[in-house]
Amino acid sequence: MGSDEESAEASSTSYHQFFGVDHHAKEQLFCPLQASQIEFAFRTQIKTDIVIKVQAPNGEVSGYINPDTTEYTTFSPSNIGCGHGQWLVHVARRRGCKFHHGFTKVLNLVGQGILYFEVDTLGTLREVERLWLDCLY
């Protein structure tokens, strides 16, 4: 009888592990607020080199974004996954031959659209405009 109980317990554990992975994959695929529906646009007031990295709730991380002083430079995630939740935007500024982290902005987003940001002369990221649709689900 011991082996039947062990077999049932192993089967139950396997089912729950499979269900958890399957459920998470479906949640990412069928999330009503996909990360790809959110776009970030950056520009800077600083003439020195600035780099920005964006981290999405679905785990995607942008490459280095080099904002311009006149035109907006944009990033939108391309991987499948939810976009609602915590986004991190890291700003680094060149000092000498290295970039040094200067600022991180944490955004909790539920919706879709475009967020426009500027890096001011102090190296702080501030939102200047938002074309946004809040979503309730």
N, C-alpha and C. Protein backbone atom coordinates (compact mmCIF):
# COMPACT_ATOMS: atom_id res chain seq x y z
N MET A 1 0.81 -1.19 0.00
CA MET A 1 0.00 0.00 0.00
C MET A 1 0.85 1.25 0.00
N GLY A 2 2.01 1.17 0.56
CA GLY A 2 2.89 2.32 0.63
C GLY A 2 3.27 2.83 -0.74
N SER A 3 3.49 1.90 -1.69
CA SER A 3 3.90 2.34 -3.03
C SER A 3 2.74 3.02 -3.77
N ASP A 4 1.48 2.61 -3.51
CA ASP A 4 0.33 3.26 -4.14
C ASP A 4 0.20 4.70 -3.65
N GLU A 5 0.40 4.92 -2.35
CA GLU A 5 0.33 6.27 -1.78
C GLU A 5 1.45 7.14 -2.34
N GLU A 6 2.67 6.56 -2.41
CA GLU A 6 3.80 7.31 -2.95
C GLU A 6 3.56 7.65 -4.41
N SER A 7 3.01 6.70 -5.16
CA SER A 7 2.72 6.93 -6.58
C SER A 7 1.67 8.02 -6.74
N ALA A 8 0.63 7.99 -5.93
CA ALA A 8 -0.43 9.00 -5.99
C ALA A 8 0.13 10.37 -5.61
N GLU A 9 0.98 10.41 -4.59
CA GLU A 9 1.58 11.67 -4.15
C GLU A 9 2.50 12.23 -5.23
N ALA A 10 3.31 11.39 -5.86
CA ALA A 10 4.20 11.83 -6.93
C ALA A 10 3.39 12.33 -8.12
N SER A 11 2.31 11.62 -8.44
CA SER A 11 1.44 12.02 -9.55
C SER A 11 0.80 13.37 -9.24
N SER A 12 0.35 13.56 -8.02
CA SER A 12 -0.28 14.81 -7.60
C SER A 12 0.72 15.96 -7.67
N THR A 13 1.94 15.73 -7.20
CA THR A 13 2.99 16.76 -7.24
C THR A 13 3.31 17.11 -8.69
N SER A 14 3.43 16.10 -9.53
CA SER A 14 3.72 16.33 -10.94
C SER A 14 2.61 17.14 -11.60
N TYR A 15 1.34 16.78 -11.29
CA TYR A 15 0.20 17.50 -11.85
C TYR A 15 0.22 18.97 -11.44
N HIS A 16 0.48 19.24 -10.15
CA HIS A 16 0.48 20.62 -9.66
C HIS A 16 1.63 21.41 -10.27
N GLN A 17 2.80 20.79 -10.44
CA GLN A 17 3.92 21.48 -11.07
C GLN A 17 3.57 21.80 -12.52
N PHE A 18 2.99 20.82 -13.23
CA PHE A 18 2.61 21.02 -14.62
C PHE A 18 1.52 22.08 -14.72
N PHE A 19 0.51 22.00 -13.85
CA PHE A 19 -0.57 22.97 -13.86
C PHE A 19 -0.04 24.37 -13.61
N GLY A 20 0.88 24.51 -12.66
CA GLY A 20 1.45 25.82 -12.34
C GLY A 20 2.18 26.42 -13.52
N VAL A 21 3.00 25.62 -14.19
CA VAL A 21 3.75 26.09 -15.36
C VAL A 21 2.79 26.42 -16.49
N ASP A 22 1.83 25.51 -16.74
CA ASP A 22 0.85 25.71 -17.81
C ASP A 22 0.01 26.95 -17.55
N HIS A 23 -0.45 27.12 -16.32
CA HIS A 23 -1.27 28.27 -15.96
C HIS A 23 -0.50 29.57 -16.16
N HIS A 24 0.76 29.60 -15.72
CA HIS A 24 1.58 30.80 -15.88
C HIS A 24 1.79 31.13 -17.36
N ALA A 25 2.04 30.11 -18.17
CA ALA A 25 2.24 30.33 -19.60
C ALA A 25 0.97 30.88 -20.24
N LYS A 26 -0.18 30.33 -19.90
CA LYS A 26 -1.44 30.83 -20.45
C LYS A 26 -1.73 32.24 -19.96
N GLU A 27 -1.43 32.51 -18.69
CA GLU A 27 -1.64 33.85 -18.16
C GLU A 27 -0.80 34.87 -18.93
N GLN A 28 0.45 34.53 -19.22
CA GLN A 28 1.32 35.43 -19.98
C GLN A 28 0.81 35.62 -21.40
N LEU A 29 0.31 34.55 -22.01
CA LEU A 29 -0.14 34.61 -23.39
C LEU A 29 -1.46 35.35 -23.53
N PHE A 30 -2.39 35.14 -22.60
CA PHE A 30 -3.72 35.71 -22.71
C PHE A 30 -3.96 36.89 -21.78
N CYS A 31 -2.92 37.47 -21.27
CA CYS A 31 -3.03 38.65 -20.44
C CYS A 31 -3.66 39.78 -21.26
N PRO A 32 -4.68 40.45 -20.74
CA PRO A 32 -5.32 41.51 -21.51
C PRO A 32 -4.44 42.75 -21.67
N LEU A 33 -3.39 42.84 -20.90
CA LEU A 33 -2.51 44.02 -20.94
C LEU A 33 -1.10 43.58 -21.30
N GLN A 34 -0.88 43.26 -22.55
CA GLN A 34 0.43 42.80 -23.01
C GLN A 34 1.46 43.92 -22.90
N ALA A 35 2.67 43.56 -22.54
CA ALA A 35 3.76 44.53 -22.42
C ALA A 35 4.02 45.23 -23.75
N SER A 36 3.80 44.54 -24.85
CA SER A 36 4.05 45.14 -26.16
C SER A 36 3.09 46.27 -26.49
N GLN A 37 2.04 46.45 -25.68
CA GLN A 37 1.09 47.54 -25.88
C GLN A 37 1.50 48.80 -25.14
N ILE A 38 2.68 48.79 -24.56
CA ILE A 38 3.20 49.95 -23.83
C ILE A 38 4.48 50.40 -24.51
N GLU A 39 4.56 51.69 -24.74
CA GLU A 39 5.74 52.26 -25.40
C GLU A 39 6.31 53.37 -24.52
N PHE A 40 7.61 53.41 -24.42
CA PHE A 40 8.31 54.46 -23.69
C PHE A 40 9.06 55.33 -24.70
N ALA A 41 8.99 56.64 -24.53
CA ALA A 41 9.70 57.58 -25.40
C ALA A 41 10.55 58.48 -24.51
N PHE A 42 11.83 58.60 -24.85
CA PHE A 42 12.78 59.34 -24.02
C PHE A 42 13.50 60.42 -24.83
N ARG A 43 13.76 61.52 -24.17
CA ARG A 43 14.70 62.51 -24.68
C ARG A 43 15.38 63.14 -23.47
N THR A 44 16.43 63.90 -23.72
CA THR A 44 17.22 64.45 -22.62
C THR A 44 17.49 65.94 -22.82
N GLN A 45 17.67 66.62 -21.71
CA GLN A 45 18.07 68.03 -21.73
C GLN A 45 19.58 68.17 -21.53
N ILE A 46 20.25 67.03 -21.28
CA ILE A 46 21.68 67.04 -20.98
C ILE A 46 22.48 66.76 -22.24
N LYS A 47 23.54 67.49 -22.42
CA LYS A 47 24.40 67.28 -23.59
C LYS A 47 25.37 66.11 -23.38
N THR A 48 25.61 65.71 -22.13
CA THR A 48 26.52 64.59 -21.88
C THR A 48 25.80 63.27 -22.18
N ASP A 49 26.58 62.19 -22.26
CA ASP A 49 26.01 60.88 -22.58
C ASP A 49 25.14 60.35 -21.45
N ILE A 50 23.97 59.89 -21.84
CA ILE A 50 23.01 59.26 -20.94
C ILE A 50 22.62 57.93 -21.56
N VAL A 51 22.47 56.90 -20.75
CA VAL A 51 21.89 55.64 -21.21
C VAL A 51 20.74 55.27 -20.29
N ILE A 52 19.74 54.65 -20.89
CA ILE A 52 18.54 54.24 -20.16
C ILE A 52 18.28 52.77 -20.45
N LYS A 53 17.85 52.05 -19.42
CA LYS A 53 17.41 50.65 -19.59
C LYS A 53 16.03 50.54 -18.97
N VAL A 54 15.16 49.81 -19.65
CA VAL A 54 13.80 49.58 -19.17
C VAL A 54 13.63 48.10 -18.88
N GLN A 55 13.05 47.79 -17.73
CA GLN A 55 12.76 46.41 -17.35
C GLN A 55 11.25 46.26 -17.20
N ALA A 56 10.67 45.36 -18.01
CA ALA A 56 9.23 45.14 -18.03
C ALA A 56 8.83 44.05 -17.04
N PRO A 57 7.56 44.04 -16.62
CA PRO A 57 7.09 42.98 -15.70
C PRO A 57 7.17 41.58 -16.28
N ASN A 58 7.21 41.45 -17.61
CA ASN A 58 7.30 40.12 -18.21
C ASN A 58 8.74 39.61 -18.25
N GLY A 59 9.68 40.37 -17.68
CA GLY A 59 11.07 39.95 -17.60
C GLY A 59 11.95 40.49 -18.71
N GLU A 60 11.36 41.09 -19.73
CA GLU A 60 12.15 41.63 -20.84
C GLU A 60 12.89 42.89 -20.38
N VAL A 61 14.13 43.01 -20.83
CA VAL A 61 14.95 44.18 -20.53
C VAL A 61 15.41 44.77 -21.85
N SER A 62 15.26 46.08 -21.97
CA SER A 62 15.68 46.74 -23.21
C SER A 62 17.20 46.72 -23.33
N GLY A 63 17.67 46.98 -24.52
CA GLY A 63 19.09 47.27 -24.69
C GLY A 63 19.34 48.68 -24.15
N TYR A 64 20.55 49.16 -24.32
CA TYR A 64 20.84 50.52 -23.89
C TYR A 64 20.16 51.51 -24.83
N ILE A 65 19.40 52.41 -24.24
CA ILE A 65 18.69 53.45 -25.00
C ILE A 65 19.48 54.73 -24.83
N ASN A 66 19.84 55.35 -25.95
CA ASN A 66 20.60 56.61 -25.92
C ASN A 66 19.68 57.74 -26.36
N PRO A 67 19.07 58.45 -25.40
CA PRO A 67 18.13 59.51 -25.77
C PRO A 67 18.84 60.70 -26.42
N ASP A 68 18.10 61.40 -27.24
CA ASP A 68 18.59 62.57 -27.97
C ASP A 68 18.05 63.83 -27.31
N THR A 69 18.63 64.97 -27.64
CA THR A 69 18.15 66.23 -27.08
C THR A 69 16.99 66.82 -27.89
N THR A 70 16.78 66.36 -29.11
CA THR A 70 15.71 66.93 -29.94
C THR A 70 14.60 65.93 -30.26
N GLU A 71 14.95 64.70 -30.64
CA GLU A 71 13.97 63.68 -31.02
C GLU A 71 13.79 62.67 -29.89
N TYR A 72 12.59 62.10 -29.81
CA TYR A 72 12.35 61.03 -28.84
C TYR A 72 12.92 59.71 -29.37
N THR A 73 13.52 58.95 -28.47
CA THR A 73 13.98 57.59 -28.75
C THR A 73 13.02 56.66 -28.03
N THR A 74 12.49 55.65 -28.74
CA THR A 74 11.42 54.84 -28.15
C THR A 74 11.85 53.41 -27.89
N PHE A 75 11.12 52.79 -26.97
CA PHE A 75 11.27 51.37 -26.68
C PHE A 75 9.89 50.80 -26.39
N SER A 76 9.61 49.65 -26.98
CA SER A 76 8.40 48.89 -26.68
C SER A 76 8.80 47.41 -26.63
N PRO A 77 8.43 46.69 -25.58
CA PRO A 77 8.79 45.28 -25.49
C PRO A 77 8.24 44.49 -26.66
N SER A 78 8.95 43.43 -27.03
CA SER A 78 8.50 42.59 -28.13
C SER A 78 8.13 41.18 -27.67
N ASN A 79 8.55 40.79 -26.47
CA ASN A 79 8.23 39.45 -25.97
C ASN A 79 6.78 39.36 -25.50
N ILE A 80 6.21 38.17 -25.61
CA ILE A 80 4.86 37.95 -25.10
C ILE A 80 4.92 37.95 -23.59
N GLY A 81 3.97 38.62 -22.97
CA GLY A 81 3.89 38.62 -21.52
C GLY A 81 3.14 39.84 -21.02
N CYS A 82 2.69 39.75 -19.79
CA CYS A 82 1.89 40.82 -19.20
C CYS A 82 2.69 42.10 -19.02
N GLY A 83 1.99 43.20 -19.22
CA GLY A 83 2.58 44.52 -19.05
C GLY A 83 2.07 45.22 -17.81
N HIS A 84 1.07 44.63 -17.15
CA HIS A 84 0.61 45.27 -15.91
C HIS A 84 1.52 44.85 -14.78
N GLY A 85 1.84 45.82 -13.95
CA GLY A 85 2.74 45.53 -12.85
C GLY A 85 3.87 46.55 -12.79
N GLN A 86 4.95 46.14 -12.19
CA GLN A 86 6.05 47.05 -11.91
C GLN A 86 7.05 47.11 -13.07
N TRP A 87 7.28 48.31 -13.58
CA TRP A 87 8.29 48.60 -14.60
C TRP A 87 9.41 49.38 -13.92
N LEU A 88 10.64 49.11 -14.32
CA LEU A 88 11.79 49.84 -13.80
C LEU A 88 12.48 50.55 -14.94
N VAL A 89 12.78 51.82 -14.75
CA VAL A 89 13.51 52.61 -15.74
C VAL A 89 14.78 53.12 -15.06
N HIS A 90 15.94 52.66 -15.54
CA HIS A 90 17.22 53.02 -14.96
C HIS A 90 17.92 54.04 -15.85
N VAL A 91 18.45 55.08 -15.23
CA VAL A 91 19.17 56.13 -15.96
C VAL A 91 20.62 56.14 -15.46
N ALA A 92 21.55 56.12 -16.38
CA ALA A 92 22.98 56.21 -16.03
C ALA A 92 23.60 57.34 -16.84
N ARG A 93 24.56 58.01 -16.23
CA ARG A 93 25.22 59.17 -16.83
C ARG A 93 26.72 58.90 -16.93
N ARG A 94 27.30 59.33 -18.03
CA ARG A 94 28.74 59.12 -18.21
C ARG A 94 29.53 60.12 -17.35
N ARG A 95 30.48 59.55 -16.62
CA ARG A 95 31.47 60.35 -15.88
C ARG A 95 32.82 59.76 -16.21
N GLY A 96 33.61 60.51 -16.96
CA GLY A 96 34.89 59.97 -17.42
C GLY A 96 34.63 58.94 -18.50
N CYS A 97 35.21 57.76 -18.34
CA CYS A 97 35.02 56.73 -19.36
C CYS A 97 34.01 55.67 -18.94
N LYS A 98 33.29 55.89 -17.82
CA LYS A 98 32.31 54.92 -17.33
C LYS A 98 30.95 55.56 -17.15
N PHE A 99 29.91 54.71 -17.25
CA PHE A 99 28.55 55.16 -16.93
C PHE A 99 28.26 54.81 -15.48
N HIS A 100 27.64 55.74 -14.76
CA HIS A 100 27.31 55.54 -13.35
C HIS A 100 25.80 55.68 -13.18
N HIS A 101 25.23 54.71 -12.45
CA HIS A 101 23.79 54.74 -12.19
C HIS A 101 23.44 56.04 -11.47
N GLY A 102 22.44 56.70 -11.97
CA GLY A 102 22.05 57.96 -11.35
C GLY A 102 20.65 57.94 -10.77
N PHE A 103 19.74 57.19 -11.41
CA PHE A 103 18.35 57.29 -11.01
C PHE A 103 17.58 56.07 -11.49
N THR A 104 16.64 55.60 -10.67
CA THR A 104 15.72 54.54 -11.08
C THR A 104 14.31 55.00 -10.78
N LYS A 105 13.46 54.92 -11.77
CA LYS A 105 12.05 55.27 -11.60
C LYS A 105 11.26 53.96 -11.62
N VAL A 106 10.39 53.79 -10.64
CA VAL A 106 9.53 52.61 -10.54
C VAL A 106 8.13 53.05 -10.94
N LEU A 107 7.57 52.33 -11.92
CA LEU A 107 6.22 52.65 -12.40
C LEU A 107 5.34 51.42 -12.25
N ASN A 108 4.18 51.58 -11.65
CA ASN A 108 3.19 50.51 -11.59
C ASN A 108 2.12 50.85 -12.61
N LEU A 109 2.10 50.10 -13.70
CA LEU A 109 1.23 50.43 -14.82
C LEU A 109 0.13 49.40 -14.99
N VAL A 110 -1.08 49.89 -15.24
CA VAL A 110 -2.22 49.07 -15.62
C VAL A 110 -2.90 49.83 -16.75
N GLY A 111 -2.62 49.45 -17.95
CA GLY A 111 -3.18 50.13 -19.10
C GLY A 111 -2.30 49.94 -20.31
N GLN A 112 -2.53 50.78 -21.31
CA GLN A 112 -1.72 50.71 -22.52
C GLN A 112 -1.61 52.09 -23.12
N GLY A 113 -0.50 52.32 -23.83
CA GLY A 113 -0.30 53.61 -24.47
C GLY A 113 1.17 53.97 -24.53
N ILE A 114 1.42 55.27 -24.64
CA ILE A 114 2.78 55.80 -24.77
C ILE A 114 3.06 56.74 -23.60
N LEU A 115 4.22 56.57 -23.00
CA LEU A 115 4.69 57.44 -21.92
C LEU A 115 5.90 58.22 -22.43
N TYR A 116 5.87 59.54 -22.31
CA TYR A 116 6.97 60.40 -22.75
C TYR A 116 7.73 60.90 -21.54
N PHE A 117 9.06 60.73 -21.58
CA PHE A 117 9.92 61.14 -20.47
C PHE A 117 11.05 62.03 -20.96
N GLU A 118 11.52 62.90 -20.05
CA GLU A 118 12.73 63.68 -20.28
C GLU A 118 13.68 63.47 -19.11
N VAL A 119 14.96 63.43 -19.42
CA VAL A 119 15.98 63.44 -18.38
C VAL A 119 16.36 64.91 -18.22
N ASP A 120 16.11 65.46 -17.03
CA ASP A 120 16.41 66.88 -16.82
C ASP A 120 17.89 67.11 -16.56
N THR A 121 18.26 68.35 -16.34
CA THR A 121 19.68 68.71 -16.19
C THR A 121 20.31 68.10 -14.94
N LEU A 122 19.50 67.65 -13.99
CA LEU A 122 20.03 66.99 -12.78
C LEU A 122 20.16 65.48 -12.97
N GLY A 123 19.73 64.98 -14.13
CA GLY A 123 19.79 63.55 -14.39
C GLY A 123 18.58 62.78 -13.89
N THR A 124 17.53 63.50 -13.51
CA THR A 124 16.30 62.89 -13.02
C THR A 124 15.33 62.67 -14.18
N LEU A 125 14.69 61.54 -14.17
CA LEU A 125 13.71 61.21 -15.20
C LEU A 125 12.35 61.72 -14.77
N ARG A 126 11.70 62.50 -15.65
CA ARG A 126 10.36 62.98 -15.31
C ARG A 126 9.43 62.75 -16.49
N GLU A 127 8.20 62.39 -16.17
CA GLU A 127 7.20 62.17 -17.20
C GLU A 127 6.68 63.53 -17.68
N VAL A 128 6.64 63.72 -19.00
CA VAL A 128 6.19 65.00 -19.55
C VAL A 128 4.85 64.89 -20.27
N GLU A 129 4.50 63.69 -20.70
CA GLU A 129 3.22 63.52 -21.38
C GLU A 129 2.85 62.03 -21.34
N ARG A 130 1.54 61.79 -21.47
CA ARG A 130 1.05 60.41 -21.44
C ARG A 130 -0.15 60.31 -22.36
N LEU A 131 -0.05 59.47 -23.36
CA LEU A 131 -1.19 59.09 -24.19
C LEU A 131 -1.57 57.70 -23.72
N TRP A 132 -2.58 57.60 -22.86
CA TRP A 132 -2.76 56.41 -22.07
C TRP A 132 -4.23 56.04 -21.94
N LEU A 133 -4.48 54.76 -21.94
CA LEU A 133 -5.81 54.20 -21.70
C LEU A 133 -5.71 53.31 -20.47
N ASP A 134 -6.34 53.73 -19.36
CA ASP A 134 -6.37 52.89 -18.17
C ASP A 134 -7.31 51.71 -18.43
N CYS A 135 -6.93 50.56 -17.95
CA CYS A 135 -7.74 49.36 -18.17
C CYS A 135 -8.16 48.77 -16.84
N LEU A 136 -9.42 48.38 -16.79
CA LEU A 136 -9.95 47.68 -15.62
C LEU A 136 -10.22 46.25 -16.05
N TYR A 137 -9.81 45.32 -15.26
CA TYR A 137 -10.10 43.91 -15.57
C TYR A 137 -10.33 43.15 -14.33
